Amino acid sequence: MQLIYKIEFNTTNLYFKYIINSLIKEANVNAVCKQYKGFILIILEETAQNIESFFALLEQKLPVSIFIGNSYVVESYDESLEELEDFEIKQNLHLLTNDEIKKIIEENNIDFLNDIVKISKGEISRFETHNGLKDYFLPNKNIREDFEKRGFEVKLLITDVSKLDELFDLNMKDFQLLCSIERPLVKLKFKALKNINKEFSSTNFIYAKIPDDKETVLFARALKQNDINYVLYTNDEVYQDGLKVTYTKDQNIIISGDKGLFPKYDFIARQKFNSSKEYFDANGGVYKAILAQTAKRLIPTIGVYFSLNSKKSSISVNIPTKGIKQIIEIPNIHNSIKNCFEEIADIDEHCARLITNFTKKFPKVLENDVPANANGFESIINLCAIVLGVNGSKEFEDTALYSSLSSGIQIDMKLINFNGTNYLDYRKIVQSIMAYKMADVDNITLIYSFYESLSEFISNYVNEIAKEIKANDVVLCGNMFANTILLSKTTKALSKTYNLILPKEYPLDY
């Protein structure tokens, strides 16, 4: 009998097909695996008993992937479709199946005694893995803060996944992403009181992962054997540390990173790309790249590129024959709380009084300032964080994610026209938050409301622009949409009216 099994798969990389082929060979069944853009087919010509045995093997050994969607039996498929060609591009990815992990452990015996002793004594162990130099240490507030002051991101390596529930409030999706073949970084929420002394993180969240290369597999095993179930680590900035991912109800989303994605052959551009930066630059930016991926260049399309770090965040339109035009831009402002207060005071007399009263009630606010190298949304969020007494954009976002609110209050998101260009008026955002702060509204409500109000701003102007250009397609991109509040609120508001497009096989941002 014939059975055709379809697996929705949102990347054109072929490593998952290789794994399936190895399982077909192991099971010794009459089957072929074909990969197309968007899905994989397994076609079997076998007895019912052998098919049943093969799927039992798949269930046991086929790993999860961040790119997998639904899988199901189909009656037929379009045989005129062209299979993806194999260009034999070596993936920057260790395919750590259960069998491969077992083989690594059986065939290698690295002595980690010195590292274990150092870590156990509360010191830092530094060694090189396939993915570069890394520093490992037990959760320690002072060491963590020292790394962060020097600009390093501190993450968590989990050596025993059975201990995850001791630390984190996990759902099944978090667990599946952590254990997927791509081994991404996933933002996890600590259980109450588990990070009360801030040993792990300055907030209630941390990016975590499980081992993703041979050396780290062996190191994690040695740590686990010494009852060390997790360690903090940093990696040298010159090295990639894998993908950061998040998810919606319907889709896994890559926030950033190249590992496992590049080098990559792009079947639309018909060329190889070695990094996400190379890919985005070749296409003229993230929004243009997604238009190319989804064949929307010749269709009126609205693009919302909101990036935490970029100087080019905007709401834009793509008009066939006319190209892309920015409709609303996010300003790149002077990184100074003093300058911000002066600009707010210049709006009107009411705002000038607000500044006077605010600095009297919170006299230390002017002692702080934002990082000089911040751009766009990061600068705006840093200013909002200062007036709330919050330590920067990371703590600002994580405070919002920690809330249990379903709705907030209205933060002013207005436009200002300067020299013929429409900008988001950052002054009104900060002024609005200050006014609520003066009325003793709590920080969690205000920060949650920032993202909710930003989603309303997006929805309102997308609706207005769509009517004018008769657009049905809206692209959401940029790492601001890694914030699940902003993403979920925006998609809920727009998905009933528009075809929402999020990148599936490329990152949200540079």
Protein backbone atom coordinates (compact mmCIF):
# COMPACT_ATOMS: atom_id res chain seq x y z
CA MET A 1 0.00 0.00 0.00
CA GLN A 2 1.04 3.61 -0.56
CA LEU A 3 1.04 6.26 2.15
CA ILE A 4 2.02 9.91 1.67
CA TYR A 5 2.92 11.81 4.81
CA LYS A 6 3.28 15.59 4.71
CA ILE A 7 5.33 17.61 7.21
CA GLU A 8 4.98 21.39 7.03
CA PHE A 9 8.53 22.73 7.24
CA ASN A 10 9.31 26.45 7.09
CA THR A 11 12.87 26.46 5.84
CA THR A 12 14.57 25.38 2.64
CA ASN A 13 17.59 24.04 4.55
CA LEU A 14 17.86 20.29 4.00
CA TYR A 15 19.26 18.91 7.28
CA PHE A 16 15.88 17.60 8.44
CA LYS A 17 15.50 15.68 5.19
CA TYR A 18 18.93 14.10 5.87
CA ILE A 19 17.72 12.92 9.28
CA ILE A 20 14.55 11.41 7.79
CA ASN A 21 16.59 9.64 5.09
CA SER A 22 18.82 8.12 7.76
CA LEU A 23 15.74 6.79 9.57
CA ILE A 24 14.35 5.35 6.31
CA LYS A 25 17.66 3.54 5.86
CA GLU A 26 17.65 2.34 9.48
CA ALA A 27 14.09 1.01 9.14
CA ASN A 28 14.91 -0.58 5.77
CA VAL A 29 11.56 0.45 4.27
CA ASN A 30 10.66 1.23 0.68
CA ALA A 31 10.29 4.98 1.06
CA VAL A 32 11.55 8.27 -0.35
CA CYS A 33 11.76 11.70 1.21
CA LYS A 34 11.19 14.79 -0.93
CA GLN A 35 11.55 18.40 0.23
CA TYR A 36 9.72 21.33 -1.35
CA LYS A 37 9.37 24.97 -0.37
CA GLY A 38 7.21 24.89 2.73
CA PHE A 39 6.92 21.14 3.29
CA ILE A 40 8.51 17.68 3.26
CA LEU A 41 6.88 14.51 1.90
CA ILE A 42 7.59 10.95 2.98
CA ILE A 43 6.20 8.53 0.39
CA LEU A 44 6.04 4.88 1.42
CA GLU A 45 5.25 1.78 -0.64
CA GLU A 46 5.01 -0.82 2.11
CA THR A 47 2.82 -3.22 4.02
CA ALA A 48 0.60 -1.79 6.71
CA GLN A 49 2.71 -3.50 9.38
CA ASN A 50 5.98 -2.02 8.07
CA ILE A 51 4.42 1.43 7.80
CA GLU A 52 3.25 1.18 11.38
CA SER A 53 6.72 0.11 12.52
CA PHE A 54 8.35 2.97 10.59
CA PHE A 55 6.12 5.59 12.17
CA ALA A 56 6.86 4.12 15.59
CA LEU A 57 10.55 4.67 14.79
CA LEU A 58 9.84 8.24 13.64
CA GLU A 59 8.00 8.95 16.86
CA GLN A 60 10.91 7.62 18.86
CA LYS A 61 13.84 9.15 16.96
CA LEU A 62 12.73 12.05 14.74
CA PRO A 63 13.70 15.24 16.60
CA VAL A 64 11.57 18.33 16.96
CA SER A 65 12.51 21.35 14.82
CA ILE A 66 11.61 25.00 15.27
CA PHE A 67 10.55 24.99 11.61
CA ILE A 68 8.03 22.14 11.84
CA GLY A 69 4.34 22.88 11.48
CA ASN A 70 1.52 20.38 11.24
CA SER A 71 2.05 16.84 9.90
CA TYR A 72 -0.61 14.59 8.41
CA VAL A 73 -1.45 11.98 5.75
CA VAL A 74 -2.47 13.28 2.31
CA GLU A 75 -4.18 11.47 -0.53
CA SER A 76 -1.95 12.87 -3.28
CA TYR A 77 0.43 15.70 -4.18
CA ASP A 78 1.27 17.79 -7.21
CA GLU A 79 3.98 15.72 -8.92
CA SER A 80 4.84 18.63 -11.20
CA LEU A 81 6.29 20.54 -8.26
CA GLU A 82 10.06 20.92 -8.35
CA GLU A 83 12.01 19.48 -5.44
CA LEU A 84 14.52 21.70 -3.68
CA GLU A 85 17.93 21.17 -5.18
CA ASP A 86 20.70 20.08 -2.84
CA PHE A 87 23.64 22.47 -3.20
CA GLU A 88 25.58 20.58 -0.50
CA ILE A 89 26.02 23.67 1.66
CA LYS A 90 27.53 22.72 4.99
CA GLN A 91 25.23 23.82 7.80
CA ASN A 92 26.58 25.67 10.82
CA LEU A 93 24.71 23.25 13.05
CA HIS A 94 25.44 20.11 15.07
CA LEU A 95 22.61 17.64 14.45
CA LEU A 96 22.36 16.44 18.03
CA THR A 97 19.88 13.59 17.73
CA ASN A 98 19.67 11.21 20.69
CA ASP A 99 21.84 8.72 18.82
CA GLU A 100 24.45 11.37 18.07
CA ILE A 101 24.58 12.50 21.71
CA LYS A 102 25.01 8.89 22.81
CA LYS A 103 27.82 8.45 20.29
CA ILE A 104 29.60 11.64 21.48
CA ILE A 105 29.52 10.45 25.09
CA GLU A 106 30.73 6.94 24.22
CA GLU A 107 33.58 8.06 21.94
CA ASN A 108 34.98 11.06 23.86
CA ASN A 109 36.47 11.46 27.29
CA ILE A 110 37.50 15.05 28.04
CA ASP A 111 38.77 15.79 31.55
CA PHE A 112 36.82 18.74 32.97
CA LEU A 113 38.11 18.37 36.55
CA ASN A 114 39.82 21.78 36.67
CA ASP A 115 36.73 23.46 35.26
CA ILE A 116 34.41 21.69 37.71
CA VAL A 117 36.64 22.64 40.66
CA LYS A 118 36.74 26.29 39.58
CA ILE A 119 33.00 26.50 39.08
CA SER A 120 32.24 24.68 42.34
CA LYS A 121 34.39 27.23 44.21
CA GLY A 122 32.38 30.10 42.72
CA GLU A 123 35.04 31.04 40.19
CA ILE A 124 34.87 31.46 36.41
CA SER A 125 35.83 28.66 34.03
CA ARG A 126 36.86 29.74 30.53
CA PHE A 127 37.29 27.32 27.65
CA GLU A 128 36.70 27.07 23.94
CA THR A 129 33.92 25.06 22.31
CA HIS A 130 33.03 24.63 18.66
CA ASN A 131 31.01 27.84 19.06
CA GLY A 132 33.85 29.91 20.50
CA LEU A 133 35.27 31.01 23.82
CA LYS A 134 32.83 31.07 26.74
CA ASP A 135 32.96 31.88 30.43
CA TYR A 136 30.94 29.64 32.77
CA PHE A 137 30.08 30.26 36.42
CA LEU A 138 27.49 29.38 39.05
CA PRO A 139 24.64 31.86 39.53
CA ASN A 140 26.23 34.84 41.26
CA LYS A 141 24.91 38.39 41.30
CA ASN A 142 28.30 40.12 41.53
CA ILE A 143 29.92 38.15 38.70
CA ARG A 144 26.81 38.53 36.52
CA GLU A 145 26.62 42.28 37.05
CA ASP A 146 30.33 42.66 36.30
CA PHE A 147 29.90 40.94 32.93
CA GLU A 148 26.79 42.99 32.14
CA LYS A 149 28.53 46.27 32.98
CA ARG A 150 31.14 45.32 30.40
CA GLY A 151 28.43 44.82 27.78
CA PHE A 152 28.10 41.03 27.84
CA GLU A 153 24.76 39.25 27.83
CA VAL A 154 24.55 36.58 30.53
CA LYS A 155 22.56 33.46 29.62
CA LEU A 156 21.82 30.09 31.20
CA LEU A 157 23.10 26.68 30.12
CA ILE A 158 20.81 23.90 31.33
CA THR A 159 22.68 20.67 32.00
CA ASP A 160 19.70 18.62 33.27
CA VAL A 161 16.38 19.26 31.54
CA SER A 162 14.55 17.24 34.20
CA LYS A 163 15.31 20.10 36.64
CA LEU A 164 13.72 22.81 34.50
CA ASP A 165 10.47 22.81 36.47
CA GLU A 166 12.38 23.64 39.64
CA LEU A 167 13.41 27.02 38.24
CA PHE A 168 10.90 28.09 35.62
CA ASP A 169 7.22 28.45 34.84
CA LEU A 170 7.31 26.41 31.63
CA ASN A 171 4.70 25.50 29.08
CA MET A 172 5.00 22.72 26.52
CA LYS A 173 5.97 25.15 23.76
CA ASP A 174 8.95 26.46 25.76
CA PHE A 175 10.12 22.91 26.37
CA GLN A 176 9.73 21.88 22.72
CA LEU A 177 11.74 24.89 21.52
CA LEU A 178 14.53 24.26 24.02
CA CYS A 179 14.82 20.63 22.95
CA SER A 180 14.49 21.20 19.22
CA ILE A 181 17.30 20.10 16.90
CA GLU A 182 18.37 23.76 16.38
CA ARG A 183 18.97 24.23 20.15
CA PRO A 184 17.83 27.89 20.25
CA LEU A 185 17.90 30.37 23.10
CA VAL A 186 14.45 30.72 24.66
CA LYS A 187 13.38 33.41 27.13
CA LEU A 188 12.12 31.67 30.28
CA LYS A 189 10.27 33.05 33.29
CA PHE A 190 11.52 32.22 36.78
CA LYS A 191 9.18 30.74 39.36
CA ALA A 192 8.32 33.03 42.25
CA LEU A 193 11.24 33.45 44.71
CA LYS A 194 13.69 31.44 42.54
CA ASN A 195 15.59 34.57 41.50
CA ILE A 196 14.72 36.72 44.49
CA ASN A 197 18.37 37.65 45.15
CA LYS A 198 19.06 38.30 41.44
CA GLU A 199 21.81 35.67 41.19
CA PHE A 200 20.56 34.52 37.79
CA SER A 201 19.24 37.71 36.22
CA SER A 202 18.45 41.34 36.96
CA THR A 203 14.86 40.59 35.94
CA ASN A 204 12.44 37.69 36.25
CA PHE A 205 13.49 36.32 32.84
CA ILE A 206 16.59 34.85 31.24
CA TYR A 207 17.54 33.42 27.86
CA ALA A 208 18.36 29.75 28.30
CA LYS A 209 19.46 26.82 26.15
CA ILE A 210 20.61 23.21 26.34
CA PRO A 211 23.97 21.98 24.94
CA ASP A 212 24.38 22.58 21.21
CA ASP A 213 27.80 21.19 20.28
CA LYS A 214 30.05 18.26 21.11
CA GLU A 215 32.20 19.99 23.72
CA THR A 216 29.21 21.48 25.53
CA VAL A 217 27.41 18.12 25.56
CA LEU A 218 30.41 16.57 27.31
CA PHE A 219 30.84 19.54 29.65
CA ALA A 220 27.17 19.52 30.60
CA ARG A 221 27.38 15.80 31.35
CA ALA A 222 30.36 16.39 33.66
CA LEU A 223 28.51 19.20 35.42
CA LYS A 224 25.40 17.06 35.86
CA GLN A 225 27.50 14.22 37.32
CA ASN A 226 28.68 16.73 39.93
CA ASP A 227 25.09 17.79 40.73
CA ILE A 228 25.39 21.10 38.87
CA ASN A 229 22.16 21.36 36.91
CA TYR A 230 22.67 24.80 35.35
CA VAL A 231 25.40 27.41 34.96
CA LEU A 232 25.44 30.98 33.72
CA TYR A 233 27.66 31.82 30.79
CA THR A 234 28.76 34.55 28.43
CA ASN A 235 30.34 34.18 25.03
CA ASP A 236 32.81 36.44 23.26
CA GLU A 237 30.84 38.85 21.11
CA VAL A 238 32.72 37.81 17.96
CA TYR A 239 31.06 34.39 18.15
CA GLN A 240 27.49 33.48 17.27
CA ASP A 241 25.56 31.88 20.11
CA GLY A 242 22.72 30.37 18.16
CA LEU A 243 19.22 31.56 17.41
CA LYS A 244 16.95 33.49 19.72
CA VAL A 245 13.35 32.47 19.22
CA THR A 246 9.84 33.29 20.38
CA TYR A 247 6.43 32.16 19.19
CA THR A 248 2.83 33.05 18.55
CA LYS A 249 -0.15 30.73 18.71
CA ASP A 250 0.48 29.67 15.11
CA GLN A 251 4.18 30.21 14.38
CA ASN A 252 7.67 29.94 15.81
CA ILE A 253 9.57 33.16 15.18
CA ILE A 254 13.33 33.65 14.87
CA ILE A 255 14.30 36.88 16.59
CA SER A 256 17.97 36.94 15.61
CA GLY A 257 20.98 34.78 14.87
CA ASP A 258 22.61 32.86 12.05
CA LYS A 259 23.46 29.48 13.52
CA GLY A 260 21.60 26.74 11.68
CA LEU A 261 20.27 29.23 9.14
CA PHE A 262 23.43 30.24 7.35
CA PRO A 263 25.23 29.56 5.10
CA LYS A 264 22.02 29.22 3.10
CA TYR A 265 20.97 28.95 -0.53
CA ASP A 266 18.04 31.25 -1.17
CA PHE A 267 15.81 29.77 -3.87
CA ILE A 268 14.13 33.11 -4.59
CA ALA A 269 17.34 35.10 -5.11
CA ARG A 270 19.08 32.03 -6.59
CA GLN A 271 22.25 32.61 -4.61
CA LYS A 272 24.06 31.62 -1.44
CA PHE A 273 24.14 33.90 1.61
CA ASN A 274 26.58 33.47 4.49
CA SER A 275 24.79 35.53 7.14
CA SER A 276 21.54 37.31 7.89
CA LYS A 277 23.31 40.66 7.52
CA GLU A 278 24.56 39.71 4.06
CA TYR A 279 21.06 38.58 3.11
CA PHE A 280 19.28 41.69 4.42
CA ASP A 281 21.87 44.07 2.96
CA ALA A 282 21.60 42.40 -0.46
CA ASN A 283 17.83 42.94 -0.39
CA GLY A 284 17.91 46.54 0.84
CA GLY A 285 16.75 45.88 4.39
CA VAL A 286 14.47 43.58 6.36
CA TYR A 287 11.15 44.81 4.93
CA LYS A 288 12.34 44.54 1.32
CA ALA A 289 13.77 41.09 2.03
CA ILE A 290 10.39 39.83 3.27
CA LEU A 291 8.65 41.29 0.21
CA ALA A 292 11.09 39.26 -1.91
CA GLN A 293 10.57 36.07 0.15
CA THR A 294 6.79 36.28 -0.10
CA ALA A 295 6.53 37.53 -3.71
CA LYS A 296 4.80 40.77 -2.65
CA ARG A 297 6.97 43.26 -4.53
CA LEU A 298 4.24 43.82 -7.13
CA ILE A 299 1.41 44.14 -4.60
CA PRO A 300 0.50 47.20 -2.49
CA THR A 301 1.87 46.26 0.93
CA ILE A 302 2.32 47.98 4.29
CA GLY A 303 5.49 47.27 6.23
CA VAL A 304 5.98 47.88 9.94
CA TYR A 305 9.70 47.65 10.68
CA PHE A 306 10.07 48.42 14.37
CA SER A 307 13.57 47.63 15.60
CA LEU A 308 14.94 48.19 19.08
CA ASN A 309 18.39 49.17 17.79
CA SER A 310 18.07 50.34 14.19
CA LYS A 311 18.09 53.97 13.08
CA LYS A 312 15.62 53.10 10.32
CA SER A 313 12.42 51.99 12.10
CA SER A 314 9.31 53.11 10.25
CA ILE A 315 5.88 52.32 8.90
CA SER A 316 6.30 52.16 5.13
CA VAL A 317 4.34 51.29 2.01
CA ASN A 318 5.37 49.37 -1.05
CA ILE A 319 3.62 50.63 -4.18
CA PRO A 320 4.20 48.74 -7.45
CA THR A 321 6.13 50.88 -9.99
CA LYS A 322 6.86 53.46 -7.25
CA GLY A 323 8.80 51.40 -4.73
CA ILE A 324 8.95 51.84 -0.97
CA LYS A 325 8.06 55.07 0.79
CA GLN A 326 8.35 55.75 4.51
CA ILE A 327 5.08 57.14 5.90
CA ILE A 328 5.93 57.38 9.61
CA GLU A 329 9.48 57.35 10.96
CA ILE A 330 10.79 56.64 14.46
CA PRO A 331 13.12 59.50 15.42
CA ASN A 332 16.73 59.07 16.41
CA ILE A 333 16.88 61.34 19.41
CA HIS A 334 19.52 62.93 21.59
CA ASN A 335 20.36 60.47 24.37
CA SER A 336 19.91 62.85 27.26
CA ILE A 337 17.22 62.97 29.95
CA LYS A 338 17.98 66.68 30.49
CA ASN A 339 17.43 67.42 26.80
CA CYS A 340 14.27 65.31 26.83
CA PHE A 341 12.83 67.31 29.74
CA GLU A 342 13.68 70.59 28.02
CA GLU A 343 11.88 69.49 24.85
CA ILE A 344 8.82 68.37 26.83
CA ALA A 345 8.75 71.67 28.71
CA ASP A 346 8.70 73.52 25.38
CA ILE A 347 5.45 71.83 24.29
CA ASP A 348 3.17 74.10 26.39
CA GLU A 349 2.72 75.58 29.86
CA HIS A 350 1.05 72.42 31.20
CA CYS A 351 4.08 70.35 30.20
CA ALA A 352 6.48 72.91 31.69
CA ARG A 353 4.64 72.63 35.03
CA LEU A 354 4.76 68.84 34.78
CA ILE A 355 8.54 68.91 34.41
CA THR A 356 8.91 71.24 37.39
CA ASN A 357 6.64 69.14 39.62
CA PHE A 358 8.14 65.85 38.46
CA THR A 359 11.72 66.87 39.23
CA LYS A 360 10.61 68.07 42.68
CA LYS A 361 8.91 64.75 43.44
CA PHE A 362 11.68 62.65 41.88
CA PRO A 363 14.82 64.78 42.26
CA LYS A 364 17.27 61.98 41.44
CA VAL A 365 15.87 61.37 37.95
CA LEU A 366 18.18 63.96 36.36
CA GLU A 367 21.20 62.17 37.79
CA ASN A 368 20.69 59.34 35.30
CA ASP A 369 21.24 59.24 31.57
CA VAL A 370 20.81 56.86 28.69
CA PRO A 371 23.63 55.01 26.92
CA ALA A 372 25.16 57.25 24.28
CA ASN A 373 25.17 54.52 21.62
CA ALA A 374 21.42 53.78 21.77
CA ASN A 375 19.23 54.41 18.71
CA GLY A 376 15.55 54.59 17.78
CA PHE A 377 13.20 52.70 20.05
CA GLU A 378 15.96 51.79 22.49
CA SER A 379 16.58 55.49 23.16
CA ILE A 380 12.88 56.14 23.69
CA ILE A 381 12.46 53.14 25.99
CA ASN A 382 15.57 54.09 27.96
CA LEU A 383 14.09 57.54 28.63
CA CYS A 384 10.80 55.98 29.73
CA ALA A 385 12.77 53.64 31.97
CA ILE A 386 14.65 56.52 33.62
CA VAL A 387 11.49 58.39 34.60
CA LEU A 388 10.14 55.17 36.11
CA GLY A 389 13.34 54.31 37.94
CA VAL A 390 13.85 51.17 35.85
CA ASN A 391 17.30 49.97 34.79
CA GLY A 392 17.25 50.23 31.00
CA SER A 393 15.36 48.70 28.09
CA LYS A 394 15.89 45.04 29.13
CA GLU A 395 14.31 45.52 32.56
CA PHE A 396 11.60 47.68 30.97
CA GLU A 397 10.54 44.90 28.60
CA ASP A 398 10.79 42.11 31.16
CA THR A 399 8.68 44.11 33.63
CA ALA A 400 5.91 44.23 31.03
CA LEU A 401 6.19 40.49 30.35
CA TYR A 402 5.94 39.72 34.08
CA SER A 403 2.57 41.44 34.39
CA SER A 404 -0.71 39.54 34.46
CA LEU A 405 -2.65 42.42 32.91
CA SER A 406 -4.93 41.93 29.93
CA SER A 407 -5.40 45.66 29.30
CA GLY A 408 -3.79 48.87 30.47
CA ILE A 409 -4.18 52.62 30.21
CA GLN A 410 -3.67 54.94 27.26
CA ILE A 411 -0.11 56.18 26.73
CA ASP A 412 -0.02 59.02 24.20
CA MET A 413 1.38 57.90 20.86
CA LYS A 414 1.09 60.94 18.61
CA LEU A 415 2.66 62.14 15.38
CA ILE A 416 4.67 65.30 14.85
CA ASN A 417 5.46 66.66 11.39
CA PHE A 418 8.96 68.05 11.01
CA ASN A 419 10.25 69.33 7.66
CA GLY A 420 7.52 67.40 5.85
CA THR A 421 8.21 64.07 7.60
CA ASN A 422 5.85 62.40 10.07
CA TYR A 423 7.61 61.18 13.22
CA LEU A 424 6.39 59.35 16.30
CA ASP A 425 6.50 62.12 18.93
CA TYR A 426 8.67 60.60 21.64
CA ARG A 427 8.11 63.66 23.87
CA LYS A 428 4.42 62.88 24.24
CA ILE A 429 5.18 59.27 25.18
CA VAL A 430 7.55 60.26 27.97
CA GLN A 431 5.29 63.14 29.09
CA SER A 432 2.29 60.82 29.25
CA ILE A 433 4.16 58.28 31.38
CA MET A 434 5.43 61.06 33.68
CA ALA A 435 1.90 62.38 34.22
CA TYR A 436 0.67 58.92 35.25
CA LYS A 437 3.73 58.45 37.46
CA MET A 438 2.88 61.71 39.24
CA ALA A 439 -0.56 60.21 39.90
CA ASP A 440 1.14 57.17 41.49
CA VAL A 441 0.22 54.65 38.79
CA ASP A 442 2.45 51.60 39.29
CA ASN A 443 5.34 50.79 36.96
CA ILE A 444 3.99 47.44 35.79
CA THR A 445 0.79 49.04 34.53
CA LEU A 446 2.65 51.86 32.82
CA ILE A 447 5.19 49.63 31.10
CA TYR A 448 2.56 47.11 29.96
CA SER A 449 0.51 50.05 28.66
CA PHE A 450 3.46 51.32 26.61
CA TYR A 451 3.43 48.15 24.48
CA GLU A 452 -0.36 47.99 24.32
CA SER A 453 -0.58 51.64 23.22
CA LEU A 454 2.17 51.10 20.65
CA SER A 455 0.16 48.21 19.20
CA GLU A 456 -2.89 50.52 18.96
CA PHE A 457 -0.73 53.14 17.24
CA ILE A 458 0.35 50.55 14.67
CA SER A 459 -3.20 49.29 14.12
CA ASN A 460 -4.70 52.76 13.73
CA TYR A 461 -2.21 53.92 11.13
CA VAL A 462 -2.17 50.61 9.26
CA ASN A 463 -5.95 50.92 8.90
CA GLU A 464 -5.64 54.51 7.70
CA ILE A 465 -2.88 53.77 5.20
CA ALA A 466 -4.52 50.56 3.93
CA LYS A 467 -7.66 52.44 2.94
CA GLU A 468 -5.62 54.92 0.94
CA ILE A 469 -3.47 52.43 -0.99
CA LYS A 470 -5.99 49.56 -0.98
CA ALA A 471 -3.60 47.13 0.72
CA ASN A 472 -4.55 43.73 2.10
CA ASP A 473 -1.03 42.61 3.12
CA VAL A 474 0.84 43.85 6.20
CA VAL A 475 4.42 42.85 7.03
CA LEU A 476 5.51 42.90 10.69
CA CYS A 477 9.27 42.81 11.24
CA GLY A 478 12.03 44.16 13.47
CA ASN A 479 13.01 42.85 16.89
CA MET A 480 10.51 45.06 18.75
CA PHE A 481 8.04 42.32 17.75
CA ALA A 482 10.01 39.87 19.86
CA ASN A 483 7.97 41.40 22.68
CA THR A 484 5.02 39.04 23.00
CA ILE A 485 2.65 41.74 24.26
CA LEU A 486 3.29 43.98 21.26
CA LEU A 487 3.16 41.05 18.84
CA SER A 488 0.00 39.43 20.24
CA LYS A 489 -1.92 42.72 20.57
CA THR A 490 -0.96 43.83 17.06
CA THR A 491 -1.75 40.50 15.40
CA LYS A 492 -5.08 40.25 17.23
CA ALA A 493 -6.08 43.72 16.06
CA LEU A 494 -5.02 43.29 12.42
CA SER A 495 -5.36 39.60 11.56
CA LYS A 496 -9.12 39.66 10.97
CA THR A 497 -8.79 42.35 8.30
CA TYR A 498 -5.38 41.80 6.72
CA ASN A 499 -3.04 39.07 5.61
CA LEU A 500 -0.32 39.41 8.23
CA ILE A 501 3.16 38.38 7.15
CA LEU A 502 5.93 37.47 9.60
CA PRO A 503 9.22 35.97 8.36
CA LYS A 504 9.20 32.19 8.73
CA GLU A 505 12.68 31.07 7.76
CA TYR A 506 14.69 34.22 8.38
CA PRO A 507 15.15 36.37 11.53
CA LEU A 508 12.95 39.31 12.44
CA ASP A 509 15.94 41.61 12.33
CA TYR A 510 19.69 42.00 11.87
